[in-house]
Amino acid sequence: MQIFLAYTIALIATSIFVVRYGGATGRWSIVGVWAGFILAQTAVLTIRPEAVLIRTILAIECASLLFKIIISMLSSRRWPIIVAAFQLNVAAVQVAVIVSPAYLTKFFYAMSTIWAVPVLVVMAMGTQMDRKHAFPA
């Protein structure tokens, strides 16, 4: 619960910054992160057979990857491709865990969520760098 709360606070803070200063790319990226976050949390709370849950989360992460790739292709900024690369890591880890003969739920959760914080950091830092280039001091 503490991890969920800490990530939610970080997501809210990042959202405020990116929506305010990130332009259309930032806003669409945050919408995608929030959609994935809400869908994944809903799945975790409502789906009980573990095999179904893991496959549902994989589908959500793959949809998020596709969304982030589209954003990075439509954007002239550089940071969306880094965010898409982190998302590719999430999807790849989940596929690897699913095909593993003996995966552990804790390992799956840890490897799936470890990329969530770097995504927020890249979004905030990328937005800040874009601002510096747009409005040099």
C-alpha atoms as a PDB file:
ATOM      1  CA  MET A   1       0.000   0.000   0.000  1.00  0.00           C
ATOM      2  CA  GLN A   2       2.867   2.383   0.753  1.00  0.00           C
ATOM      3  CA  ILE A   3       4.332   1.873  -2.724  1.00  0.00           C
ATOM      4  CA  PHE A   4       0.937   2.522  -4.292  1.00  0.00           C
ATOM      5  CA  LEU A   5       0.509   5.723  -2.281  1.00  0.00           C
ATOM      6  CA  ALA A   6       4.046   6.968  -2.991  1.00  0.00           C
ATOM      7  CA  TYR A   7       3.693   6.307  -6.715  1.00  0.00           C
ATOM      8  CA  THR A   8       0.283   7.997  -6.795  1.00  0.00           C
ATOM      9  CA  ILE A   9       1.723  11.118  -5.164  1.00  0.00           C
ATOM     10  CA  ALA A  10       4.660  11.127  -7.604  1.00  0.00           C
ATOM     11  CA  LEU A  11       2.265  10.663 -10.522  1.00  0.00           C
ATOM     12  CA  ILE A  12       0.069  13.551  -9.374  1.00  0.00           C
ATOM     13  CA  ALA A  13       3.075  15.859  -8.950  1.00  0.00           C
ATOM     14  CA  THR A  14       4.512  14.884 -12.337  1.00  0.00           C
ATOM     15  CA  SER A  15       1.098  15.288 -13.950  1.00  0.00           C
ATOM     16  CA  ILE A  16       0.712  18.822 -12.654  1.00  0.00           C
ATOM     17  CA  PHE A  17       4.140  19.829 -13.967  1.00  0.00           C
ATOM     18  CA  VAL A  18       3.865  18.082 -17.335  1.00  0.00           C
ATOM     19  CA  VAL A  19       0.311  19.257 -18.031  1.00  0.00           C
ATOM     20  CA  ARG A  20       1.275  22.818 -17.182  1.00  0.00           C
ATOM     21  CA  TYR A  21       4.518  22.960 -19.152  1.00  0.00           C
ATOM     22  CA  GLY A  22       4.658  19.911 -21.432  1.00  0.00           C
ATOM     23  CA  GLY A  23       2.425  20.995 -24.287  1.00  0.00           C
ATOM     24  CA  ALA A  24       0.326  18.517 -26.226  1.00  0.00           C
ATOM     25  CA  THR A  25       2.975  15.793 -26.053  1.00  0.00           C
ATOM     26  CA  GLY A  26       3.139  16.038 -22.277  1.00  0.00           C
ATOM     27  CA  ARG A  27      -0.627  16.078 -21.863  1.00  0.00           C
ATOM     28  CA  TRP A  28      -1.165  13.042 -24.085  1.00  0.00           C
ATOM     29  CA  SER A  29       1.681  11.191 -22.366  1.00  0.00           C
ATOM     30  CA  ILE A  30       0.198  11.845 -18.936  1.00  0.00           C
ATOM     31  CA  VAL A  31      -3.229  10.723 -20.154  1.00  0.00           C
ATOM     32  CA  GLY A  32      -1.630   7.456 -21.282  1.00  0.00           C
ATOM     33  CA  VAL A  33       0.179   6.929 -17.996  1.00  0.00           C
ATOM     34  CA  TRP A  34      -2.987   7.606 -15.995  1.00  0.00           C
ATOM     35  CA  ALA A  35      -5.057   5.293 -18.201  1.00  0.00           C
ATOM     36  CA  GLY A  36      -2.537   2.480 -17.769  1.00  0.00           C
ATOM     37  CA  PHE A  37      -2.295   3.114 -14.030  1.00  0.00           C
ATOM     38  CA  ILE A  38      -6.060   3.080 -13.502  1.00  0.00           C
ATOM     39  CA  LEU A  39      -6.616   0.032 -15.718  1.00  0.00           C
ATOM     40  CA  ALA A  40      -3.797  -1.918 -14.048  1.00  0.00           C
ATOM     41  CA  GLN A  41      -4.989  -1.075 -10.529  1.00  0.00           C
ATOM     42  CA  THR A  42      -8.543  -2.005 -11.448  1.00  0.00           C
ATOM     43  CA  ALA A  43      -7.326  -5.319 -12.819  1.00  0.00           C
ATOM     44  CA  VAL A  44      -5.278  -6.023  -9.692  1.00  0.00           C
ATOM     45  CA  LEU A  45      -8.278  -5.356  -7.474  1.00  0.00           C
ATOM     46  CA  THR A  46     -10.881  -7.242  -9.515  1.00  0.00           C
ATOM     47  CA  ILE A  47      -9.255 -10.165 -11.332  1.00  0.00           C
ATOM     48  CA  ARG A  48      -8.504 -13.170  -9.167  1.00  0.00           C
ATOM     49  CA  PRO A  49      -7.096 -16.049 -11.187  1.00  0.00           C
ATOM     50  CA  GLU A  50      -3.428 -15.106 -11.232  1.00  0.00           C
ATOM     51  CA  ALA A  51      -2.832 -16.343 -14.778  1.00  0.00           C
ATOM     52  CA  VAL A  52      -5.687 -14.193 -16.077  1.00  0.00           C
ATOM     53  CA  LEU A  53      -4.460 -11.179 -14.110  1.00  0.00           C
ATOM     54  CA  ILE A  54      -0.933 -11.423 -15.493  1.00  0.00           C
ATOM     55  CA  ARG A  55      -2.188 -11.714 -19.057  1.00  0.00           C
ATOM     56  CA  THR A  56      -4.561  -8.781 -18.519  1.00  0.00           C
ATOM     57  CA  ILE A  57      -1.735  -6.638 -17.190  1.00  0.00           C
ATOM     58  CA  LEU A  58       0.395  -7.658 -20.188  1.00  0.00           C
ATOM     59  CA  ALA A  59      -2.385  -6.540 -22.543  1.00  0.00           C
ATOM     60  CA  ILE A  60      -2.623  -3.194 -20.732  1.00  0.00           C
ATOM     61  CA  GLU A  61       1.148  -2.704 -20.902  1.00  0.00           C
ATOM     62  CA  CYS A  62       1.256  -3.600 -24.610  1.00  0.00           C
ATOM     63  CA  ALA A  63      -1.532  -1.107 -25.336  1.00  0.00           C
ATOM     64  CA  SER A  64       0.413   1.491 -23.334  1.00  0.00           C
ATOM     65  CA  LEU A  65       3.535   0.691 -25.354  1.00  0.00           C
ATOM     66  CA  LEU A  66       1.675   1.188 -28.621  1.00  0.00           C
ATOM     67  CA  PHE A  67       0.245   4.489 -27.370  1.00  0.00           C
ATOM     68  CA  LYS A  68       3.694   5.713 -26.302  1.00  0.00           C
ATOM     69  CA  ILE A  69       5.235   4.708 -29.628  1.00  0.00           C
ATOM     70  CA  ILE A  70       2.544   6.671 -31.466  1.00  0.00           C
ATOM     71  CA  ILE A  71       3.163   9.720 -29.264  1.00  0.00           C
ATOM     72  CA  SER A  72       6.904   9.503 -29.860  1.00  0.00           C
ATOM     73  CA  MET A  73       6.393   9.245 -33.624  1.00  0.00           C
ATOM     74  CA  LEU A  74       4.066  12.254 -33.710  1.00  0.00           C
ATOM     75  CA  SER A  75       6.189  14.408 -31.415  1.00  0.00           C
ATOM     76  CA  SER A  76       9.187  16.519 -32.345  1.00  0.00           C
ATOM     77  CA  ARG A  77      10.532  16.125 -28.805  1.00  0.00           C
ATOM     78  CA  ARG A  78      13.118  13.546 -27.804  1.00  0.00           C
ATOM     79  CA  TRP A  79      11.936  12.376 -24.390  1.00  0.00           C
ATOM     80  CA  PRO A  80       8.836  10.443 -25.585  1.00  0.00           C
ATOM     81  CA  ILE A  81      11.038   7.839 -27.282  1.00  0.00           C
ATOM     82  CA  ILE A  82      12.849   7.252 -23.978  1.00  0.00           C
ATOM     83  CA  VAL A  83       9.487   6.800 -22.250  1.00  0.00           C
ATOM     84  CA  ALA A  84       8.481   4.326 -24.977  1.00  0.00           C
ATOM     85  CA  ALA A  85      11.759   2.453 -24.463  1.00  0.00           C
ATOM     86  CA  PHE A  86      11.055   2.102 -20.747  1.00  0.00           C
ATOM     87  CA  GLN A  87       7.590   0.810 -21.600  1.00  0.00           C
ATOM     88  CA  LEU A  88       9.162  -1.715 -23.977  1.00  0.00           C
ATOM     89  CA  ASN A  89      11.235  -2.942 -21.030  1.00  0.00           C
ATOM     90  CA  VAL A  90       8.060  -3.427 -18.982  1.00  0.00           C
ATOM     91  CA  ALA A  91       6.354  -5.426 -21.720  1.00  0.00           C
ATOM     92  CA  ALA A  92       9.466  -7.508 -22.407  1.00  0.00           C
ATOM     93  CA  VAL A  93       9.903  -8.378 -18.730  1.00  0.00           C
ATOM     94  CA  GLN A  94       6.280  -9.422 -18.478  1.00  0.00           C
ATOM     95  CA  VAL A  95       6.553 -11.678 -21.529  1.00  0.00           C
ATOM     96  CA  ALA A  96       9.752 -13.200 -20.122  1.00  0.00           C
ATOM     97  CA  VAL A  97       8.098 -13.884 -16.778  1.00  0.00           C
ATOM     98  CA  ILE A  98       5.009 -15.406 -18.414  1.00  0.00           C
ATOM     99  CA  VAL A  99       7.049 -17.807 -20.558  1.00  0.00           C
ATOM    100  CA  SER A 100       9.286 -18.697 -17.625  1.00  0.00           C
ATOM    101  CA  PRO A 101       8.524 -22.202 -16.349  1.00  0.00           C
ATOM    102  CA  ALA A 102       8.367 -21.084 -12.713  1.00  0.00           C
ATOM    103  CA  TYR A 103       7.673 -17.386 -12.303  1.00  0.00           C
ATOM    104  CA  LEU A 104       7.023 -15.800  -8.957  1.00  0.00           C
ATOM    105  CA  THR A 105       4.252 -13.262  -8.457  1.00  0.00           C
ATOM    106  CA  LYS A 106       6.492 -11.000  -6.345  1.00  0.00           C
ATOM    107  CA  PHE A 107       9.169 -11.066  -9.041  1.00  0.00           C
ATOM    108  CA  PHE A 108       6.570 -10.250 -11.694  1.00  0.00           C
ATOM    109  CA  TYR A 109       5.294  -7.289  -9.675  1.00  0.00           C
ATOM    110  CA  ALA A 110       8.778  -5.983  -8.891  1.00  0.00           C
ATOM    111  CA  MET A 111      10.016  -6.213 -12.466  1.00  0.00           C
ATOM    112  CA  SER A 112       6.834  -4.678 -13.845  1.00  0.00           C
ATOM    113  CA  THR A 113       6.821  -1.677 -11.535  1.00  0.00           C
ATOM    114  CA  ILE A 114      10.527  -0.899 -11.447  1.00  0.00           C
ATOM    115  CA  TRP A 115      10.247   1.121 -14.670  1.00  0.00           C
ATOM    116  CA  ALA A 116       7.343   3.279 -13.472  1.00  0.00           C
ATOM    117  CA  VAL A 117       9.435   5.842 -11.605  1.00  0.00           C
ATOM    118  CA  PRO A 118      12.024   6.369 -14.385  1.00  0.00           C
ATOM    119  CA  VAL A 119       9.134   7.090 -16.767  1.00  0.00           C
ATOM    120  CA  LEU A 120       7.956   9.923 -14.517  1.00  0.00           C
ATOM    121  CA  VAL A 121      11.496  11.251 -14.121  1.00  0.00           C
ATOM    122  CA  VAL A 122      12.085  11.268 -17.885  1.00  0.00           C
ATOM    123  CA  MET A 123       8.765  12.991 -18.531  1.00  0.00           C
ATOM    124  CA  ALA A 124       9.522  15.738 -16.006  1.00  0.00           C
ATOM    125  CA  MET A 125      13.160  16.176 -17.039  1.00  0.00           C
ATOM    126  CA  GLY A 126      12.272  16.128 -20.738  1.00  0.00           C
ATOM    127  CA  THR A 127       9.607  18.749 -20.210  1.00  0.00           C
ATOM    128  CA  GLN A 128      12.049  20.916 -18.257  1.00  0.00           C
ATOM    129  CA  MET A 129      14.686  20.569 -20.987  1.00  0.00           C
ATOM    130  CA  ASP A 130      12.100  21.490 -23.628  1.00  0.00           C
ATOM    131  CA  ARG A 131      11.243  24.597 -21.615  1.00  0.00           C
ATOM    132  CA  LYS A 132      14.906  25.601 -21.405  1.00  0.00           C
ATOM    133  CA  HIS A 133      15.287  25.287 -25.172  1.00  0.00           C
ATOM    134  CA  ALA A 134      12.050  27.199 -25.831  1.00  0.00           C
ATOM    135  CA  PHE A 135      12.843  29.974 -23.348  1.00  0.00           C
ATOM    136  CA  PRO A 136      16.622  30.288 -22.999  1.00  0.00           C
ATOM    137  CA  ALA A 137      17.801  32.300 -20.036  1.00  0.00           C
END
